[in-house]
C-alpha cells in the first residue's frame, strides 16, 4: 500500500484520516504544519501528500511549492473548507495536484489512496 504524509493543524482531522487510511493498509505519517511536513518529507519517501491549506507555520500552498521543487509528479491533495481561499490563487490543479473539500468524503479518500497504492505496488 501507500506511504502517505498527512498535514493538518486540527488533531481530529489528523487522527480521523490516519485511522481511515491505516485501516485500508496504508502507512501514515502526520504533521501539524508545513514546516514539520517538509522535515518529514526530507527524511523518507512518500507516495502522496494530503495537506490542509490553512495552517500556521507553513500553509499547504507553501508546502506544495516546496515539494514541487524536488518531486514534480508526486500526488499532492490540498484540503480546504473554503474553496474560494485567496491562498489558492495561482495554484495549478492538474493530474498531480488536486483540491479536496472539507468535510472530507472518507470513502472517496480511501478509494483515491487505494489507486495510489496500486500504482506503487
N, C-alpha and C. Protein backbone atom coordinates (compact mmCIF):
# COMPACT_ATOMS: atom_id res chain seq x y z
N UNK A 1 0.84 -1.19 0.00
CA UNK A 1 0.00 0.00 0.00
C UNK A 1 0.89 1.25 0.00
N UNK A 2 0.27 2.40 0.18
CA UNK A 2 0.98 3.66 0.02
C UNK A 2 1.48 4.23 1.35
N UNK A 3 2.56 5.00 1.26
CA UNK A 3 3.06 5.79 2.39
C UNK A 3 2.55 7.21 2.17
N UNK A 4 1.77 7.72 3.12
CA UNK A 4 1.08 8.99 2.94
C UNK A 4 1.46 9.96 4.05
N UNK A 5 1.80 11.18 3.67
CA UNK A 5 2.08 12.25 4.61
C UNK A 5 0.81 13.08 4.74
N UNK A 6 0.25 13.14 5.96
CA UNK A 6 -0.97 13.90 6.23
C UNK A 6 -0.59 15.11 7.07
N UNK A 7 -0.99 16.30 6.60
CA UNK A 7 -0.60 17.54 7.26
C UNK A 7 -1.86 18.36 7.55
N UNK A 8 -2.13 18.56 8.85
CA UNK A 8 -3.29 19.36 9.25
C UNK A 8 -3.07 19.81 10.69
N UNK A 9 -3.44 21.04 10.99
CA UNK A 9 -3.26 21.54 12.35
C UNK A 9 -4.40 21.14 13.28
N UNK A 10 -5.44 20.50 12.75
CA UNK A 10 -6.56 20.05 13.57
C UNK A 10 -6.36 18.60 13.98
N UNK A 11 -6.20 18.33 15.28
CA UNK A 11 -5.96 16.95 15.73
C UNK A 11 -7.05 15.97 15.31
N UNK A 12 -8.30 16.39 15.32
CA UNK A 12 -9.39 15.49 14.95
C UNK A 12 -9.28 15.06 13.48
N UNK A 13 -8.93 15.98 12.61
CA UNK A 13 -8.76 15.64 11.19
C UNK A 13 -7.60 14.66 11.04
N UNK A 14 -6.46 14.96 11.68
CA UNK A 14 -5.29 14.07 11.57
C UNK A 14 -5.62 12.67 12.04
N UNK A 15 -6.22 12.55 13.21
CA UNK A 15 -6.47 11.21 13.76
C UNK A 15 -7.55 10.47 12.96
N UNK A 16 -8.56 11.17 12.48
CA UNK A 16 -9.61 10.53 11.68
C UNK A 16 -9.04 10.01 10.36
N UNK A 17 -8.31 10.87 9.67
CA UNK A 17 -7.73 10.47 8.38
C UNK A 17 -6.73 9.34 8.58
N UNK A 18 -5.92 9.45 9.62
CA UNK A 18 -4.93 8.40 9.88
C UNK A 18 -5.63 7.06 10.14
N UNK A 19 -6.68 7.06 10.93
CA UNK A 19 -7.40 5.82 11.24
C UNK A 19 -8.00 5.21 9.98
N UNK A 20 -8.61 6.03 9.14
CA UNK A 20 -9.23 5.54 7.91
C UNK A 20 -8.17 4.94 6.98
N UNK A 21 -7.07 5.64 6.81
CA UNK A 21 -6.04 5.16 5.89
C UNK A 21 -5.26 3.98 6.45
N UNK A 22 -5.02 3.97 7.77
CA UNK A 22 -4.36 2.80 8.38
C UNK A 22 -5.21 1.54 8.21
N UNK A 23 -6.52 1.67 8.42
CA UNK A 23 -7.42 0.51 8.25
C UNK A 23 -7.38 -0.01 6.82
N UNK A 24 -7.11 0.87 5.87
CA UNK A 24 -7.03 0.47 4.47
C UNK A 24 -5.64 -0.09 4.12
N UNK A 25 -4.74 -0.15 5.11
CA UNK A 25 -3.43 -0.75 4.90
C UNK A 25 -2.32 0.21 4.56
N UNK A 26 -2.58 1.51 4.58
CA UNK A 26 -1.55 2.49 4.24
C UNK A 26 -0.72 2.84 5.47
N UNK A 27 0.50 3.27 5.23
CA UNK A 27 1.35 3.82 6.27
C UNK A 27 1.13 5.33 6.28
N UNK A 28 0.85 5.88 7.45
CA UNK A 28 0.54 7.31 7.54
C UNK A 28 1.47 7.98 8.54
N UNK A 29 2.07 9.07 8.11
CA UNK A 29 2.84 9.94 8.99
C UNK A 29 2.09 11.26 9.00
N UNK A 30 1.85 11.81 10.20
CA UNK A 30 1.15 13.08 10.20
C UNK A 30 1.93 14.16 10.90
N UNK A 31 1.73 15.39 10.42
CA UNK A 31 2.40 16.58 10.93
C UNK A 31 1.36 17.66 11.15
N UNK A 32 1.70 18.62 12.00
CA UNK A 32 0.78 19.70 12.35
C UNK A 32 0.89 20.92 11.45
N UNK A 33 1.98 21.03 10.69
CA UNK A 33 2.14 22.21 9.84
C UNK A 33 3.11 21.92 8.71
N UNK A 34 3.21 22.86 7.81
CA UNK A 34 4.05 22.68 6.63
C UNK A 34 5.52 22.53 6.93
N UNK A 35 6.01 23.24 7.93
CA UNK A 35 7.44 23.14 8.26
C UNK A 35 7.78 21.75 8.78
N UNK A 36 6.95 21.21 9.67
CA UNK A 36 7.17 19.84 10.15
C UNK A 36 7.09 18.85 8.99
N UNK A 37 6.14 19.07 8.09
CA UNK A 37 5.94 18.17 6.95
C UNK A 37 7.15 18.19 6.03
N UNK A 38 7.74 19.35 5.81
CA UNK A 38 8.90 19.43 4.93
C UNK A 38 10.08 18.66 5.52
N UNK A 39 10.22 18.71 6.84
CA UNK A 39 11.27 17.92 7.51
C UNK A 39 10.99 16.43 7.30
N UNK A 40 9.76 16.00 7.55
CA UNK A 40 9.39 14.59 7.36
C UNK A 40 9.59 14.17 5.91
N UNK A 41 9.26 15.05 4.97
CA UNK A 41 9.40 14.76 3.55
C UNK A 41 10.87 14.54 3.19
N UNK A 42 11.75 15.26 3.86
CA UNK A 42 13.18 15.12 3.61
C UNK A 42 13.77 13.86 4.23
N UNK A 43 13.08 13.28 5.20
CA UNK A 43 13.59 12.12 5.92
C UNK A 43 13.18 10.78 5.33
N UNK A 44 12.11 10.75 4.56
CA UNK A 44 11.65 9.47 3.99
C UNK A 44 10.87 9.69 2.71
N UNK A 45 10.59 8.62 2.04
CA UNK A 45 9.86 8.66 0.77
C UNK A 45 8.36 8.50 1.03
N UNK A 46 7.56 9.33 0.38
CA UNK A 46 6.11 9.24 0.46
C UNK A 46 5.55 9.04 -0.94
N UNK A 47 4.42 8.34 -1.01
CA UNK A 47 3.74 8.13 -2.28
C UNK A 47 2.72 9.22 -2.57
N UNK A 48 2.33 9.98 -1.53
CA UNK A 48 1.36 11.06 -1.69
C UNK A 48 1.37 11.94 -0.44
N UNK A 49 0.89 13.16 -0.62
CA UNK A 49 0.75 14.11 0.49
C UNK A 49 -0.69 14.61 0.50
N UNK A 50 -1.27 14.64 1.69
CA UNK A 50 -2.61 15.18 1.91
C UNK A 50 -2.45 16.31 2.92
N UNK A 51 -2.66 17.56 2.48
CA UNK A 51 -2.39 18.70 3.35
C UNK A 51 -3.55 19.69 3.38
N UNK A 52 -3.79 20.21 4.56
CA UNK A 52 -4.73 21.31 4.71
C UNK A 52 -4.11 22.54 4.05
N UNK A 53 -4.94 23.47 3.63
CA UNK A 53 -4.45 24.71 3.06
C UNK A 53 -4.10 25.69 4.17
N UNK A 54 -5.01 25.89 5.11
CA UNK A 54 -4.82 26.91 6.15
C UNK A 54 -4.21 26.31 7.40
N UNK A 55 -2.94 26.65 7.64
CA UNK A 55 -2.23 26.21 8.84
C UNK A 55 -1.19 27.26 9.20
N UNK A 56 -0.87 27.37 10.47
CA UNK A 56 0.25 28.24 10.84
C UNK A 56 1.58 27.53 10.51
N UNK A 57 2.62 28.27 10.44
CA UNK A 57 3.97 27.71 10.25
C UNK A 57 4.11 26.92 8.96
N UNK A 58 3.76 27.52 7.89
CA UNK A 58 3.88 26.87 6.58
C UNK A 58 2.55 26.29 6.15
N UNK A 59 1.80 27.06 5.38
CA UNK A 59 0.48 26.57 4.95
C UNK A 59 0.63 25.56 3.81
N UNK A 60 -0.49 24.99 3.38
CA UNK A 60 -0.47 23.95 2.38
C UNK A 60 0.04 24.39 1.02
N UNK A 61 -0.23 25.63 0.64
CA UNK A 61 0.25 26.13 -0.64
C UNK A 61 1.76 26.28 -0.61
N UNK A 62 2.29 26.81 0.47
CA UNK A 62 3.74 26.91 0.64
C UNK A 62 4.37 25.51 0.56
N UNK A 63 3.78 24.55 1.27
CA UNK A 63 4.30 23.19 1.27
C UNK A 63 4.26 22.60 -0.14
N UNK A 64 3.18 22.82 -0.86
CA UNK A 64 3.08 22.33 -2.24
C UNK A 64 4.23 22.86 -3.08
N UNK A 65 4.51 24.15 -2.99
CA UNK A 65 5.59 24.75 -3.78
C UNK A 65 6.95 24.16 -3.40
N UNK A 66 7.16 23.92 -2.12
CA UNK A 66 8.42 23.31 -1.67
C UNK A 66 8.56 21.88 -2.18
N UNK A 67 7.48 21.12 -2.12
CA UNK A 67 7.51 19.74 -2.61
C UNK A 67 7.75 19.71 -4.12
N UNK A 68 7.12 20.60 -4.85
CA UNK A 68 7.26 20.62 -6.30
C UNK A 68 8.70 20.91 -6.75
N UNK A 69 9.50 21.53 -5.91
CA UNK A 69 10.91 21.78 -6.24
C UNK A 69 11.69 20.48 -6.40
N UNK A 70 11.26 19.43 -5.70
CA UNK A 70 12.00 18.16 -5.73
C UNK A 70 11.18 16.97 -6.22
N UNK A 71 9.87 17.12 -6.29
CA UNK A 71 9.01 16.00 -6.69
C UNK A 71 7.85 16.53 -7.53
N UNK A 72 8.11 16.76 -8.80
CA UNK A 72 7.13 17.41 -9.67
C UNK A 72 5.87 16.58 -9.90
N UNK A 73 5.98 15.25 -9.81
CA UNK A 73 4.84 14.40 -10.14
C UNK A 73 4.24 13.67 -8.93
N UNK A 74 4.69 14.00 -7.75
CA UNK A 74 4.13 13.37 -6.55
C UNK A 74 2.69 13.83 -6.37
N UNK A 75 1.75 12.92 -6.15
CA UNK A 75 0.37 13.34 -5.90
C UNK A 75 0.27 14.15 -4.60
N UNK A 76 -0.25 15.36 -4.72
CA UNK A 76 -0.47 16.24 -3.57
C UNK A 76 -1.93 16.65 -3.58
N UNK A 77 -2.60 16.43 -2.46
CA UNK A 77 -4.01 16.76 -2.31
C UNK A 77 -4.12 17.85 -1.26
N UNK A 78 -4.67 18.99 -1.65
CA UNK A 78 -4.88 20.10 -0.72
C UNK A 78 -6.33 20.07 -0.27
N UNK A 79 -6.53 20.18 1.06
CA UNK A 79 -7.88 20.17 1.65
C UNK A 79 -8.22 21.57 2.13
N UNK A 80 -9.47 21.95 1.90
CA UNK A 80 -9.92 23.24 2.42
C UNK A 80 -11.42 23.24 2.64
N UNK A 81 -11.82 23.97 3.64
CA UNK A 81 -13.23 24.21 3.87
C UNK A 81 -13.68 25.48 3.17
N UNK A 82 -12.73 26.21 2.61
CA UNK A 82 -13.00 27.49 1.94
C UNK A 82 -12.49 27.43 0.51
N UNK A 83 -13.28 26.91 -0.43
CA UNK A 83 -12.80 26.75 -1.81
C UNK A 83 -12.41 28.06 -2.50
N UNK A 84 -12.89 29.19 -1.98
CA UNK A 84 -12.52 30.47 -2.58
C UNK A 84 -11.38 31.13 -1.80
N UNK A 85 -10.62 30.33 -1.06
CA UNK A 85 -9.50 30.82 -0.27
C UNK A 85 -8.50 31.54 -1.18
N UNK A 86 -8.15 32.79 -0.87
CA UNK A 86 -7.20 33.53 -1.71
C UNK A 86 -5.83 32.87 -1.76
N UNK A 87 -5.51 32.02 -0.79
CA UNK A 87 -4.21 31.33 -0.82
C UNK A 87 -4.11 30.37 -2.01
N UNK A 88 -5.26 29.97 -2.56
CA UNK A 88 -5.27 29.03 -3.68
C UNK A 88 -5.05 29.71 -5.03
N UNK A 89 -5.01 31.06 -5.01
CA UNK A 89 -4.81 31.80 -6.25
C UNK A 89 -3.47 31.41 -6.87
N UNK A 90 -3.49 31.05 -8.11
CA UNK A 90 -2.26 30.71 -8.81
C UNK A 90 -1.85 29.25 -8.68
N UNK A 91 -2.55 28.48 -7.85
CA UNK A 91 -2.22 27.06 -7.73
C UNK A 91 -2.77 26.34 -8.96
N UNK A 92 -1.93 25.56 -9.57
CA UNK A 92 -2.34 24.80 -10.75
C UNK A 92 -2.80 23.42 -10.30
N UNK A 93 -4.08 23.14 -10.50
CA UNK A 93 -4.62 21.83 -10.17
C UNK A 93 -4.60 21.00 -11.44
N UNK A 94 -3.81 19.93 -11.39
CA UNK A 94 -3.62 19.10 -12.57
C UNK A 94 -3.66 17.63 -12.15
N UNK A 95 -3.07 16.76 -12.93
CA UNK A 95 -3.09 15.32 -12.64
C UNK A 95 -2.35 14.99 -11.35
N UNK A 96 -1.46 15.88 -10.90
CA UNK A 96 -0.65 15.60 -9.72
C UNK A 96 -1.03 16.46 -8.51
N UNK A 97 -1.92 17.41 -8.71
CA UNK A 97 -2.34 18.30 -7.63
C UNK A 97 -3.86 18.43 -7.67
N UNK A 98 -4.51 18.04 -6.59
CA UNK A 98 -5.98 18.05 -6.54
C UNK A 98 -6.44 18.86 -5.33
N UNK A 99 -7.64 19.40 -5.43
CA UNK A 99 -8.27 20.12 -4.33
C UNK A 99 -9.41 19.26 -3.78
N UNK A 100 -9.40 19.05 -2.47
CA UNK A 100 -10.46 18.30 -1.80
C UNK A 100 -11.18 19.25 -0.85
N UNK A 101 -12.49 19.13 -0.81
CA UNK A 101 -13.29 20.00 0.06
C UNK A 101 -13.52 19.32 1.40
N UNK A 102 -13.41 20.11 2.47
CA UNK A 102 -13.76 19.64 3.81
C UNK A 102 -15.22 19.94 4.03
N UNK A 103 -15.96 19.11 4.74
CA UNK A 103 -15.51 17.86 5.33
C UNK A 103 -15.22 16.82 4.25
N UNK A 104 -14.19 16.02 4.52
CA UNK A 104 -13.74 15.03 3.55
C UNK A 104 -14.73 13.88 3.41
N UNK A 105 -14.82 13.37 2.21
CA UNK A 105 -15.56 12.15 1.92
C UNK A 105 -14.60 11.00 2.23
N UNK A 106 -14.76 10.36 3.38
CA UNK A 106 -13.80 9.36 3.82
C UNK A 106 -13.77 8.13 2.92
N UNK A 107 -14.91 7.72 2.39
CA UNK A 107 -14.92 6.59 1.44
C UNK A 107 -14.17 6.96 0.17
N UNK A 108 -14.42 8.16 -0.31
CA UNK A 108 -13.72 8.63 -1.51
C UNK A 108 -12.23 8.73 -1.28
N UNK A 109 -11.86 9.18 -0.08
CA UNK A 109 -10.45 9.28 0.28
C UNK A 109 -9.79 7.91 0.27
N UNK A 110 -10.47 6.94 0.85
CA UNK A 110 -9.96 5.56 0.88
C UNK A 110 -9.75 5.04 -0.54
N UNK A 111 -10.73 5.26 -1.40
CA UNK A 111 -10.64 4.79 -2.78
C UNK A 111 -9.52 5.50 -3.54
N UNK A 112 -9.38 6.79 -3.32
CA UNK A 112 -8.35 7.56 -4.00
C UNK A 112 -6.96 7.05 -3.66
N UNK A 113 -6.73 6.80 -2.37
CA UNK A 113 -5.42 6.33 -1.95
C UNK A 113 -5.20 4.86 -2.29
N UNK A 114 -6.26 4.10 -2.45
CA UNK A 114 -6.12 2.71 -2.91
C UNK A 114 -5.53 2.70 -4.31
N UNK A 115 -5.95 3.63 -5.16
CA UNK A 115 -5.41 3.72 -6.51
C UNK A 115 -3.92 4.07 -6.48
N UNK A 116 -3.53 4.95 -5.57
CA UNK A 116 -2.12 5.32 -5.45
C UNK A 116 -1.31 4.12 -4.98
N UNK A 117 -1.86 3.37 -4.03
CA UNK A 117 -1.18 2.17 -3.55
C UNK A 117 -1.02 1.13 -4.65
N UNK A 118 -2.02 1.00 -5.51
CA UNK A 118 -1.95 0.04 -6.62
C UNK A 118 -0.88 0.44 -7.63
N UNK A 119 -0.75 1.74 -7.90
CA UNK A 119 0.27 2.20 -8.84
C UNK A 119 1.67 1.97 -8.29
N UNK A 120 1.79 2.07 -6.97
CA UNK A 120 3.08 1.88 -6.32
C UNK A 120 3.47 0.40 -6.38
N UNK A 121 2.48 -0.48 -6.12
CA UNK A 121 2.68 -1.87 -5.89
C UNK A 121 3.09 -2.71 -7.01
